[in-house]
C-alpha atoms as a PDB file:
ATOM      1  CA  UNK A   1     -11.400-165.608 -80.013  1.00  0.00           C
ATOM      2  CA  UNK A   2     -15.071-164.612 -80.041  1.00  0.00           C
ATOM      3  CA  UNK A   3     -17.885-163.879 -77.650  1.00  0.00           C
ATOM      4  CA  UNK A   4     -20.844-166.192 -78.234  1.00  0.00           C
ATOM      5  CA  UNK A   5     -24.351-164.995 -77.268  1.00  0.00           C
ATOM      6  CA  UNK A   6     -26.686-167.956 -76.979  1.00  0.00           C
ATOM      7  CA  UNK A   7     -30.341-166.925 -77.140  1.00  0.00           C
ATOM      8  CA  UNK A   8     -33.739-168.363 -78.027  1.00  0.00           C
ATOM      9  CA  UNK A   9     -35.905-165.292 -78.633  1.00  0.00           C
ATOM     10  CA  UNK A  10     -35.403-162.333 -80.953  1.00  0.00           C
ATOM     11  CA  UNK A  11     -35.790-159.774 -78.166  1.00  0.00           C
ATOM     12  CA  UNK A  12     -34.859-156.203 -78.550  1.00  0.00           C
ATOM     13  CA  UNK A  13     -32.496-156.559 -75.532  1.00  0.00           C
ATOM     14  CA  UNK A  14     -30.563-159.415 -77.143  1.00  0.00           C
ATOM     15  CA  UNK A  15     -30.102-157.582 -80.417  1.00  0.00           C
ATOM     16  CA  UNK A  16     -29.101-154.397 -78.617  1.00  0.00           C
ATOM     17  CA  UNK A  17     -26.510-156.330 -76.574  1.00  0.00           C
ATOM     18  CA  UNK A  18     -25.063-157.979 -79.686  1.00  0.00           C
ATOM     19  CA  UNK A  19     -24.835-154.661 -81.522  1.00  0.00           C
ATOM     20  CA  UNK A  20     -23.260-152.917 -78.473  1.00  0.00           C
ATOM     21  CA  UNK A  21     -20.448-155.440 -78.310  1.00  0.00           C
ATOM     22  CA  UNK A  22     -19.850-155.334 -82.082  1.00  0.00           C
ATOM     23  CA  UNK A  23     -19.732-151.549 -82.135  1.00  0.00           C
ATOM     24  CA  UNK A  24     -17.036-151.775 -79.460  1.00  0.00           C
ATOM     25  CA  UNK A  25     -14.985-153.881 -81.928  1.00  0.00           C
ATOM     26  CA  UNK A  26     -15.522-157.380 -80.610  1.00  0.00           C
ATOM     27  CA  UNK A  27     -16.327-160.468 -82.652  1.00  0.00           C
ATOM     28  CA  UNK A  28     -19.749-161.824 -81.641  1.00  0.00           C
ATOM     29  CA  UNK A  29     -21.290-165.135 -82.653  1.00  0.00           C
ATOM     30  CA  UNK A  30     -25.097-164.735 -82.324  1.00  0.00           C
ATOM     31  CA  UNK A  31     -26.664-168.229 -81.838  1.00  0.00           C
ATOM     32  CA  UNK A  32     -30.343-168.985 -81.845  1.00  0.00           C
ATOM     33  CA  UNK A  33     -30.273-172.250 -79.774  1.00  0.00           C
ATOM     34  CA  UNK A  34     -33.776-173.199 -80.881  1.00  0.00           C
ATOM     35  CA  UNK A  35     -32.804-173.310 -84.568  1.00  0.00           C
ATOM     36  CA  UNK A  36     -29.072-174.040 -84.533  1.00  0.00           C
ATOM     37  CA  UNK A  37     -27.487-177.454 -84.885  1.00  0.00           C
ATOM     38  CA  UNK A  38     -24.550-177.390 -82.475  1.00  0.00           C
ATOM     39  CA  UNK A  39     -22.017-179.515 -80.726  1.00  0.00           C
ATOM     40  CA  UNK A  40     -19.410-178.589 -78.077  1.00  0.00           C
ATOM     41  CA  UNK A  41     -16.599-178.491 -80.726  1.00  0.00           C
ATOM     42  CA  UNK A  42     -18.297-175.584 -82.402  1.00  0.00           C
ATOM     43  CA  UNK A  43     -17.264-173.462 -79.471  1.00  0.00           C
ATOM     44  CA  UNK A  44     -13.468-174.069 -79.745  1.00  0.00           C
ATOM     45  CA  UNK A  45     -12.952-170.527 -80.963  1.00  0.00           C
ATOM     46  CA  UNK A  46     -15.148-169.011 -78.272  1.00  0.00           C
ATOM     47  CA  UNK A  47     -13.566-167.302 -75.287  1.00  0.00           C
ATOM     48  CA  UNK A  48     -16.789-166.366 -73.418  1.00  0.00           C
ATOM     49  CA  UNK A  49     -20.398-167.479 -73.609  1.00  0.00           C
ATOM     50  CA  UNK A  50     -23.162-165.070 -72.768  1.00  0.00           C
ATOM     51  CA  UNK A  51     -26.306-166.936 -71.770  1.00  0.00           C
ATOM     52  CA  UNK A  52     -29.500-165.189 -72.919  1.00  0.00           C
ATOM     53  CA  UNK A  53     -31.813-168.248 -72.740  1.00  0.00           C
ATOM     54  CA  UNK A  54     -34.999-167.404 -70.867  1.00  0.00           C
ATOM     55  CA  UNK A  55     -36.822-169.857 -68.618  1.00  0.00           C
ATOM     56  CA  UNK A  56     -40.077-168.555 -70.286  1.00  0.00           C
ATOM     57  CA  UNK A  57     -38.966-170.241 -73.519  1.00  0.00           C
ATOM     58  CA  UNK A  58     -41.606-172.957 -73.153  1.00  0.00           C
ATOM     59  CA  UNK A  59     -44.414-170.429 -73.601  1.00  0.00           C
ATOM     60  CA  UNK A  60     -42.968-169.337 -76.950  1.00  0.00           C
ATOM     61  CA  UNK A  61     -43.039-172.936 -78.165  1.00  0.00           C
ATOM     62  CA  UNK A  62     -39.295-173.246 -77.827  1.00  0.00           C
ATOM     63  CA  UNK A  63     -39.347-176.721 -76.381  1.00  0.00           C
ATOM     64  CA  UNK A  64     -35.822-177.646 -77.502  1.00  0.00           C
ATOM     65  CA  UNK A  65     -34.431-174.730 -75.502  1.00  0.00           C
ATOM     66  CA  UNK A  66     -36.665-175.427 -72.490  1.00  0.00           C
ATOM     67  CA  UNK A  67     -35.891-179.088 -72.175  1.00  0.00           C
ATOM     68  CA  UNK A  68     -32.354-179.325 -73.636  1.00  0.00           C
ATOM     69  CA  UNK A  69     -30.773-175.904 -73.109  1.00  0.00           C
ATOM     70  CA  UNK A  70     -29.435-176.581 -69.601  1.00  0.00           C
ATOM     71  CA  UNK A  71     -27.925-179.969 -70.635  1.00  0.00           C
ATOM     72  CA  UNK A  72     -26.099-178.389 -73.565  1.00  0.00           C
ATOM     73  CA  UNK A  73     -24.661-175.496 -71.491  1.00  0.00           C
ATOM     74  CA  UNK A  74     -23.714-178.054 -68.803  1.00  0.00           C
ATOM     75  CA  UNK A  75     -21.566-179.731 -71.471  1.00  0.00           C
ATOM     76  CA  UNK A  76     -19.972-176.477 -72.407  1.00  0.00           C
ATOM     77  CA  UNK A  77     -19.323-175.706 -68.710  1.00  0.00           C
ATOM     78  CA  UNK A  78     -17.592-179.108 -68.309  1.00  0.00           C
ATOM     79  CA  UNK A  79     -15.545-178.213 -71.410  1.00  0.00           C
ATOM     80  CA  UNK A  80     -14.219-175.228 -69.375  1.00  0.00           C
ATOM     81  CA  UNK A  81     -15.569-172.372 -71.468  1.00  0.00           C
ATOM     82  CA  UNK A  82     -16.279-169.421 -69.232  1.00  0.00           C
ATOM     83  CA  UNK A  83     -19.899-168.294 -69.071  1.00  0.00           C
ATOM     84  CA  UNK A  84     -21.725-165.174 -67.917  1.00  0.00           C
ATOM     85  CA  UNK A  85     -23.863-165.459 -66.027  1.00  0.00           C
ATOM     86  CA  UNK A  86     -22.315-168.638 -64.582  1.00  0.00           C
ATOM     87  CA  UNK A  87     -23.796-172.103 -65.358  1.00  0.00           C
ATOM     88  CA  UNK A  88     -24.826-172.238 -61.640  1.00  0.00           C
ATOM     89  CA  UNK A  89     -26.811-169.056 -62.179  1.00  0.00           C
ATOM     90  CA  UNK A  90     -28.588-170.633 -65.141  1.00  0.00           C
ATOM     91  CA  UNK A  91     -29.558-173.656 -63.075  1.00  0.00           C
ATOM     92  CA  UNK A  92     -31.091-171.298 -60.446  1.00  0.00           C
ATOM     93  CA  UNK A  93     -32.864-169.332 -63.199  1.00  0.00           C
ATOM     94  CA  UNK A  94     -34.642-172.511 -64.316  1.00  0.00           C
ATOM     95  CA  UNK A  95     -35.501-173.770 -60.874  1.00  0.00           C
ATOM     96  CA  UNK A  96     -37.461-171.529 -58.538  1.00  0.00           C
ATOM     97  CA  UNK A  97     -37.795-174.247 -55.947  1.00  0.00           C
ATOM     98  CA  UNK A  98     -33.976-174.564 -55.755  1.00  0.00           C
ATOM     99  CA  UNK A  99     -33.611-170.779 -55.378  1.00  0.00           C
ATOM    100  CA  UNK A 100     -35.967-170.647 -52.410  1.00  0.00           C
ATOM    101  CA  UNK A 101     -34.281-173.675 -50.720  1.00  0.00           C
ATOM    102  CA  UNK A 102     -30.809-172.215 -51.275  1.00  0.00           C
ATOM    103  CA  UNK A 103     -31.713-168.805 -49.954  1.00  0.00           C
ATOM    104  CA  UNK A 104     -33.711-170.105 -46.962  1.00  0.00           C
ATOM    105  CA  UNK A 105     -30.734-172.283 -45.989  1.00  0.00           C
ATOM    106  CA  UNK A 106     -28.770-168.954 -45.841  1.00  0.00           C
ATOM    107  CA  UNK A 107     -31.441-167.427 -43.594  1.00  0.00           C
ATOM    108  CA  UNK A 108     -32.790-165.186 -46.325  1.00  0.00           C
ATOM    109  CA  UNK A 109     -36.558-164.652 -46.295  1.00  0.00           C
ATOM    110  CA  UNK A 110     -38.300-166.261 -49.287  1.00  0.00           C
ATOM    111  CA  UNK A 111     -41.844-167.635 -49.673  1.00  0.00           C
ATOM    112  CA  UNK A 112     -42.330-171.100 -48.307  1.00  0.00           C
ATOM    113  CA  UNK A 113     -42.942-173.719 -50.993  1.00  0.00           C
ATOM    114  CA  UNK A 114     -45.740-175.941 -49.773  1.00  0.00           C
ATOM    115  CA  UNK A 115     -45.401-178.545 -52.517  1.00  0.00           C
ATOM    116  CA  UNK A 116     -44.847-178.965 -56.248  1.00  0.00           C
ATOM    117  CA  UNK A 117     -46.764-180.753 -58.922  1.00  0.00           C
ATOM    118  CA  UNK A 118     -44.449-183.657 -58.401  1.00  0.00           C
ATOM    119  CA  UNK A 119     -45.375-184.088 -54.711  1.00  0.00           C
ATOM    120  CA  UNK A 120     -48.721-182.302 -54.734  1.00  0.00           C
ATOM    121  CA  UNK A 121     -50.511-182.296 -51.355  1.00  0.00           C
ATOM    122  CA  UNK A 122     -53.572-180.074 -50.929  1.00  0.00           C
ATOM    123  CA  UNK A 123     -53.384-180.497 -47.172  1.00  0.00           C
ATOM    124  CA  UNK A 124     -50.001-178.764 -47.004  1.00  0.00           C
ATOM    125  CA  UNK A 125     -51.197-175.631 -48.884  1.00  0.00           C
ATOM    126  CA  UNK A 126     -52.177-172.500 -46.979  1.00  0.00           C
ATOM    127  CA  UNK A 127     -54.302-169.857 -48.666  1.00  0.00           C
ATOM    128  CA  UNK A 128     -53.924-167.598 -50.421  1.00  0.00           C
ATOM    129  CA  UNK A 129     -51.004-169.124 -52.329  1.00  0.00           C
ATOM    130  CA  UNK A 130     -49.099-168.488 -55.509  1.00  0.00           C
ATOM    131  CA  UNK A 131     -49.195-171.127 -58.198  1.00  0.00           C
ATOM    132  CA  UNK A 132     -46.628-170.775 -60.993  1.00  0.00           C
ATOM    133  CA  UNK A 133     -44.244-172.803 -63.144  1.00  0.00           C
ATOM    134  CA  UNK A 134     -41.040-173.902 -61.415  1.00  0.00           C
ATOM    135  CA  UNK A 135     -39.258-172.841 -64.574  1.00  0.00           C
ATOM    136  CA  UNK A 136     -40.996-169.985 -66.242  1.00  0.00           C
ATOM    137  CA  UNK A 137     -41.342-166.243 -66.428  1.00  0.00           C
ATOM    138  CA  UNK A 138     -43.221-163.149 -67.527  1.00  0.00           C
ATOM    139  CA  UNK A 139     -46.044-164.270 -65.115  1.00  0.00           C
ATOM    140  CA  UNK A 140     -47.333-166.794 -67.630  1.00  0.00           C
ATOM    141  CA  UNK A 141     -49.593-169.385 -65.977  1.00  0.00           C
ATOM    142  CA  UNK A 142     -49.233-167.651 -62.645  1.00  0.00           C
ATOM    143  CA  UNK A 143     -52.134-167.052 -60.218  1.00  0.00           C
ATOM    144  CA  UNK A 144     -52.850-166.136 -56.630  1.00  0.00           C
ATOM    145  CA  UNK A 145     -55.293-168.928 -55.564  1.00  0.00           C
ATOM    146  CA  UNK A 146     -57.671-168.150 -52.721  1.00  0.00           C
ATOM    147  CA  UNK A 147     -59.081-171.595 -52.197  1.00  0.00           C
ATOM    148  CA  UNK A 148     -59.029-175.247 -53.300  1.00  0.00           C
ATOM    149  CA  UNK A 149     -61.533-174.801 -56.123  1.00  0.00           C
ATOM    150  CA  UNK A 150     -59.362-172.053 -57.750  1.00  0.00           C
ATOM    151  CA  UNK A 151     -56.353-174.457 -57.673  1.00  0.00           C
ATOM    152  CA  UNK A 152     -58.259-177.328 -59.223  1.00  0.00           C
ATOM    153  CA  UNK A 153     -59.815-175.055 -61.910  1.00  0.00           C
ATOM    154  CA  UNK A 154     -56.352-173.680 -62.690  1.00  0.00           C
ATOM    155  CA  UNK A 155     -54.711-177.103 -62.915  1.00  0.00           C
ATOM    156  CA  UNK A 156     -57.190-178.066 -65.586  1.00  0.00           C
ATOM    157  CA  UNK A 157     -55.586-175.595 -68.003  1.00  0.00           C
ATOM    158  CA  UNK A 158     -51.916-175.782 -67.045  1.00  0.00           C
ATOM    159  CA  UNK A 159     -49.369-177.254 -69.472  1.00  0.00           C
ATOM    160  CA  UNK A 160     -47.499-180.472 -68.611  1.00  0.00           C
ATOM    161  CA  UNK A 161     -44.536-178.847 -66.806  1.00  0.00           C
ATOM    162  CA  UNK A 162     -43.652-178.645 -63.136  1.00  0.00           C
ATOM    163  CA  UNK A 163     -45.451-176.106 -60.966  1.00  0.00           C
ATOM    164  CA  UNK A 164     -44.818-174.868 -57.456  1.00  0.00           C
ATOM    165  CA  UNK A 165     -47.398-173.981 -54.792  1.00  0.00           C
ATOM    166  CA  UNK A 166     -45.914-171.107 -52.862  1.00  0.00           C
ATOM    167  CA  UNK A 167     -46.720-168.936 -49.856  1.00  0.00           C
ATOM    168  CA  UNK A 168     -48.189-165.625 -50.878  1.00  0.00           C
ATOM    169  CA  UNK A 169     -46.210-162.702 -49.496  1.00  0.00           C
ATOM    170  CA  UNK A 170     -48.189-159.494 -49.252  1.00  0.00           C
ATOM    171  CA  UNK A 171     -46.701-156.058 -49.704  1.00  0.00           C
ATOM    172  CA  UNK A 172     -47.578-153.264 -47.320  1.00  0.00           C
ATOM    173  CA  UNK A 173     -47.277-150.679 -50.091  1.00  0.00           C
ATOM    174  CA  UNK A 174     -49.018-152.813 -52.737  1.00  0.00           C
ATOM    175  CA  UNK A 175     -45.826-152.516 -54.833  1.00  0.00           C
ATOM    176  CA  UNK A 176     -43.038-155.030 -55.596  1.00  0.00           C
ATOM    177  CA  UNK A 177     -39.494-153.752 -55.687  1.00  0.00           C
ATOM    178  CA  UNK A 178     -37.557-154.668 -58.822  1.00  0.00           C
ATOM    179  CA  UNK A 179     -33.859-154.209 -58.382  1.00  0.00           C
ATOM    180  CA  UNK A 180     -31.273-154.786 -61.095  1.00  0.00           C
ATOM    181  CA  UNK A 181     -27.641-155.556 -60.184  1.00  0.00           C
ATOM    182  CA  UNK A 182     -24.578-155.455 -62.416  1.00  0.00           C
ATOM    183  CA  UNK A 183     -21.254-156.650 -61.030  1.00  0.00           C
ATOM    184  CA  UNK A 184     -22.201-156.390 -57.294  1.00  0.00           C
ATOM    185  CA  UNK A 185     -23.643-152.873 -57.640  1.00  0.00           C
ATOM    186  CA  UNK A 186     -27.296-151.836 -57.797  1.00  0.00           C
ATOM    187  CA  UNK A 187     -27.929-150.308 -61.259  1.00  0.00           C
ATOM    188  CA  UNK A 188     -31.593-149.487 -60.865  1.00  0.00           C
ATOM    189  CA  UNK A 189     -34.429-149.771 -58.382  1.00  0.00           C
ATOM    190  CA  UNK A 190     -38.115-149.352 -59.186  1.00  0.00           C
ATOM    191  CA  UNK A 191     -41.451-150.064 -57.662  1.00  0.00           C
ATOM    192  CA  UNK A 192     -43.928-152.167 -59.748  1.00  0.00           C
ATOM    193  CA  UNK A 193     -47.638-152.102 -58.898  1.00  0.00           C
ATOM    194  CA  UNK A 194     -49.541-155.205 -57.855  1.00  0.00           C
ATOM    195  CA  UNK A 195     -52.783-155.760 -59.645  1.00  0.00           C
ATOM    196  CA  UNK A 196     -56.182-156.739 -58.227  1.00  0.00           C
ATOM    197  CA  UNK A 197     -55.361-160.432 -58.638  1.00  0.00           C
ATOM    198  CA  UNK A 198     -52.285-160.148 -56.449  1.00  0.00           C
ATOM    199  CA  UNK A 199     -49.737-160.262 -59.278  1.00  0.00           C
ATOM    200  CA  UNK A 200     -47.032-157.668 -60.078  1.00  0.00           C
ATOM    201  CA  UNK A 201     -45.939-157.987 -63.704  1.00  0.00           C
ATOM    202  CA  UNK A 202     -44.818-155.739 -66.564  1.00  0.00           C
ATOM    203  CA  UNK A 203     -46.608-158.119 -68.916  1.00  0.00           C
ATOM    204  CA  UNK A 204     -49.902-157.536 -67.089  1.00  0.00           C
ATOM    205  CA  UNK A 205     -49.704-153.766 -67.274  1.00  0.00           C
ATOM    206  CA  UNK A 206     -48.022-152.906 -63.988  1.00  0.00           C
ATOM    207  CA  UNK A 207     -47.250-149.291 -63.277  1.00  0.00           C
ATOM    208  CA  UNK A 208     -43.681-148.364 -62.382  1.00  0.00           C
ATOM    209  CA  UNK A 209     -42.352-145.702 -60.124  1.00  0.00           C
ATOM    210  CA  UNK A 210     -38.686-144.775 -59.499  1.00  0.00           C
ATOM    211  CA  UNK A 211     -36.979-145.522 -56.179  1.00  0.00           C
ATOM    212  CA  UNK A 212     -34.449-142.679 -55.915  1.00  0.00           C
ATOM    213  CA  UNK A 213     -32.888-143.796 -52.620  1.00  0.00           C
ATOM    214  CA  UNK A 214     -32.906-147.516 -51.883  1.00  0.00           C
ATOM    215  CA  UNK A 215     -32.840-148.649 -48.272  1.00  0.00           C
ATOM    216  CA  UNK A 216     -29.323-149.782 -47.383  1.00  0.00           C
ATOM    217  CA  UNK A 217     -30.568-152.984 -45.731  1.00  0.00           C
ATOM    218  CA  UNK A 218     -32.453-153.911 -48.908  1.00  0.00           C
ATOM    219  CA  UNK A 219     -29.384-153.088 -51.025  1.00  0.00           C
ATOM    220  CA  UNK A 220     -27.260-155.332 -48.860  1.00  0.00           C
ATOM    221  CA  UNK A 221     -29.790-158.135 -49.019  1.00  0.00           C
ATOM    222  CA  UNK A 222     -29.890-157.966 -52.812  1.00  0.00           C
ATOM    223  CA  UNK A 223     -26.126-157.966 -53.227  1.00  0.00           C
ATOM    224  CA  UNK A 224     -25.777-160.877 -50.796  1.00  0.00           C
ATOM    225  CA  UNK A 225     -28.439-162.835 -52.630  1.00  0.00           C
ATOM    226  CA  UNK A 226     -26.689-162.370 -55.986  1.00  0.00           C
ATOM    227  CA  UNK A 227     -23.416-163.497 -54.469  1.00  0.00           C
ATOM    228  CA  UNK A 228     -24.992-166.646 -53.044  1.00  0.00           C
ATOM    229  CA  UNK A 229     -26.496-167.511 -56.385  1.00  0.00           C
ATOM    230  CA  UNK A 230     -23.380-166.582 -58.329  1.00  0.00           C
ATOM    231  CA  UNK A 231     -25.243-164.070 -60.514  1.00  0.00           C
ATOM    232  CA  UNK A 232     -23.110-161.190 -61.806  1.00  0.00           C
ATOM    233  CA  UNK A 233     -25.953-159.433 -63.588  1.00  0.00           C
ATOM    234  CA  UNK A 234     -29.655-159.865 -62.972  1.00  0.00           C
ATOM    235  CA  UNK A 235     -32.796-158.752 -61.223  1.00  0.00           C
ATOM    236  CA  UNK A 236     -34.479-159.460 -57.936  1.00  0.00           C
ATOM    237  CA  UNK A 237     -38.122-158.891 -56.936  1.00  0.00           C
ATOM    238  CA  UNK A 238     -38.796-158.059 -53.216  1.00  0.00           C
ATOM    239  CA  UNK A 239     -41.982-157.591 -51.226  1.00  0.00           C
ATOM    240  CA  UNK A 240     -41.762-155.716 -47.944  1.00  0.00           C
ATOM    241  CA  UNK A 241     -44.228-155.990 -45.092  1.00  0.00           C
ATOM    242  CA  UNK A 242     -44.278-155.889 -41.309  1.00  0.00           C
ATOM    243  CA  UNK A 243     -42.474-159.169 -41.117  1.00  0.00           C
ATOM    244  CA  UNK A 244     -39.508-157.987 -43.161  1.00  0.00           C
ATOM    245  CA  UNK A 245     -38.108-158.126 -46.733  1.00  0.00           C
ATOM    246  CA  UNK A 246     -38.829-161.245 -48.829  1.00  0.00           C
ATOM    247  CA  UNK A 247     -37.128-162.272 -52.002  1.00  0.00           C
ATOM    248  CA  UNK A 248     -40.046-163.395 -54.135  1.00  0.00           C
ATOM    249  CA  UNK A 249     -38.217-163.952 -57.458  1.00  0.00           C
ATOM    250  CA  UNK A 250     -34.731-163.966 -58.944  1.00  0.00           C
ATOM    251  CA  UNK A 251     -33.936-163.433 -62.641  1.00  0.00           C
ATOM    252  CA  UNK A 252     -30.451-164.346 -63.882  1.00  0.00           C
ATOM    253  CA  UNK A 253     -31.273-163.361 -67.462  1.00  0.00           C
ATOM    254  CA  UNK A 254     -33.021-159.978 -67.110  1.00  0.00           C
ATOM    255  CA  UNK A 255     -34.880-158.828 -70.176  1.00  0.00           C
ATOM    256  CA  UNK A 256     -35.493-155.124 -70.923  1.00  0.00           C
ATOM    257  CA  UNK A 257     -37.909-153.493 -73.309  1.00  0.00           C
ATOM    258  CA  UNK A 258     -37.044-150.228 -75.063  1.00  0.00           C
ATOM    259  CA  UNK A 259     -40.035-148.668 -73.190  1.00  0.00           C
ATOM    260  CA  UNK A 260     -38.618-149.660 -69.813  1.00  0.00           C
ATOM    261  CA  UNK A 261     -35.112-148.418 -70.680  1.00  0.00           C
ATOM    262  CA  UNK A 262     -36.632-145.109 -71.675  1.00  0.00           C
ATOM    263  CA  UNK A 263     -38.406-145.006 -68.319  1.00  0.00           C
ATOM    264  CA  UNK A 264     -35.143-145.593 -66.460  1.00  0.00           C
ATOM    265  CA  UNK A 265     -33.357-142.831 -68.459  1.00  0.00           C
ATOM    266  CA  UNK A 266     -30.312-145.106 -68.531  1.00  0.00           C
ATOM    267  CA  UNK A 267     -29.621-148.399 -70.215  1.00  0.00           C
ATOM    268  CA  UNK A 268     -28.710-151.427 -68.153  1.00  0.00           C
ATOM    269  CA  UNK A 269     -27.697-153.246 -71.310  1.00  0.00           C
ATOM    270  CA  UNK A 270     -24.754-150.861 -71.688  1.00  0.00           C
ATOM    271  CA  UNK A 271     -23.570-151.802 -68.252  1.00  0.00           C
ATOM    272  CA  UNK A 272     -24.093-155.504 -69.003  1.00  0.00           C
ATOM    273  CA  UNK A 273     -22.144-155.102 -72.178  1.00  0.00           C
ATOM    274  CA  UNK A 274     -19.300-153.393 -70.357  1.00  0.00           C
ATOM    275  CA  UNK A 275     -19.187-156.198 -67.793  1.00  0.00           C
ATOM    276  CA  UNK A 276     -19.101-158.776 -70.659  1.00  0.00           C
ATOM    277  CA  UNK A 277     -16.199-156.907 -72.293  1.00  0.00           C
ATOM    278  CA  UNK A 278     -14.285-156.732 -68.970  1.00  0.00           C
ATOM    279  CA  UNK A 279     -14.738-160.481 -68.388  1.00  0.00           C
ATOM    280  CA  UNK A 280     -13.705-161.230 -71.948  1.00  0.00           C
ATOM    281  CA  UNK A 281     -10.518-159.133 -71.721  1.00  0.00           C
ATOM    282  CA  UNK A 282      -9.546-160.820 -68.428  1.00  0.00           C
ATOM    283  CA  UNK A 283      -9.900-164.188 -70.108  1.00  0.00           C
ATOM    284  CA  UNK A 284      -7.798-163.086 -73.212  1.00  0.00           C
ATOM    285  CA  UNK A 285      -5.142-161.616 -70.903  1.00  0.00           C
ATOM    286  CA  UNK A 286      -4.950-164.812 -68.899  1.00  0.00           C
ATOM    287  CA  UNK A 287      -4.574-166.963 -72.015  1.00  0.00           C
ATOM    288  CA  UNK A 288      -1.870-164.661 -73.407  1.00  0.00           C
END
């Protein structure tokens, strides 16, 4: 029985994860969802699916993945093939509005979503606000809008996908915390600078600093959030101000560059690989 990694982008992190598992002696089927012709029966020899489909797939022109990936993995989930992260986690990964609603229902601070492009109402928006894809990533088509004119100008250039209009949460330190979790433990915590446009993003040249001792309340918040969303490995972005700690983004398919791994001086992909192996062995043992 094999481990199947389903991906849509030839990222260094995906290739590293595949090679890590193979070097440990496990059979890995490496499937590019955008190019492959698949059906559920193809996975009869698969014991565990590793989902490496990113919500930012639309912006690489991977429209099949963006619009059909969830439905396909839903079919595999119904077939009973174990998945890491869970199918629920993938749904959250592709729906920022749902993440905010789910966490707010659990009394966790998240930005208020004023409206979406499906129920757009300018009268409900308070400025400044964040405008971004409901399913996206890497800060593509994401702005901090200061007024109505900026929103209307931005909407003229946005692609035909769902957007959310979200409360802007300031950071007292002008940094966003990025915290990676693997199997209910914090693996790494860093601070990522916020640029002059109010956005904190690796892809926009943010500067990173290490957090050597993470506040215990923030650590507890992060672990609790991951448990609520059924995410075993992923990342969370947090802004902290006088009103408290706010979860501003959740990533169930964390991507890592070689440069960032070198900065950490440790490799989260090794930890993710070990968790995948542990889950796989549990499944094989249960079947045996």
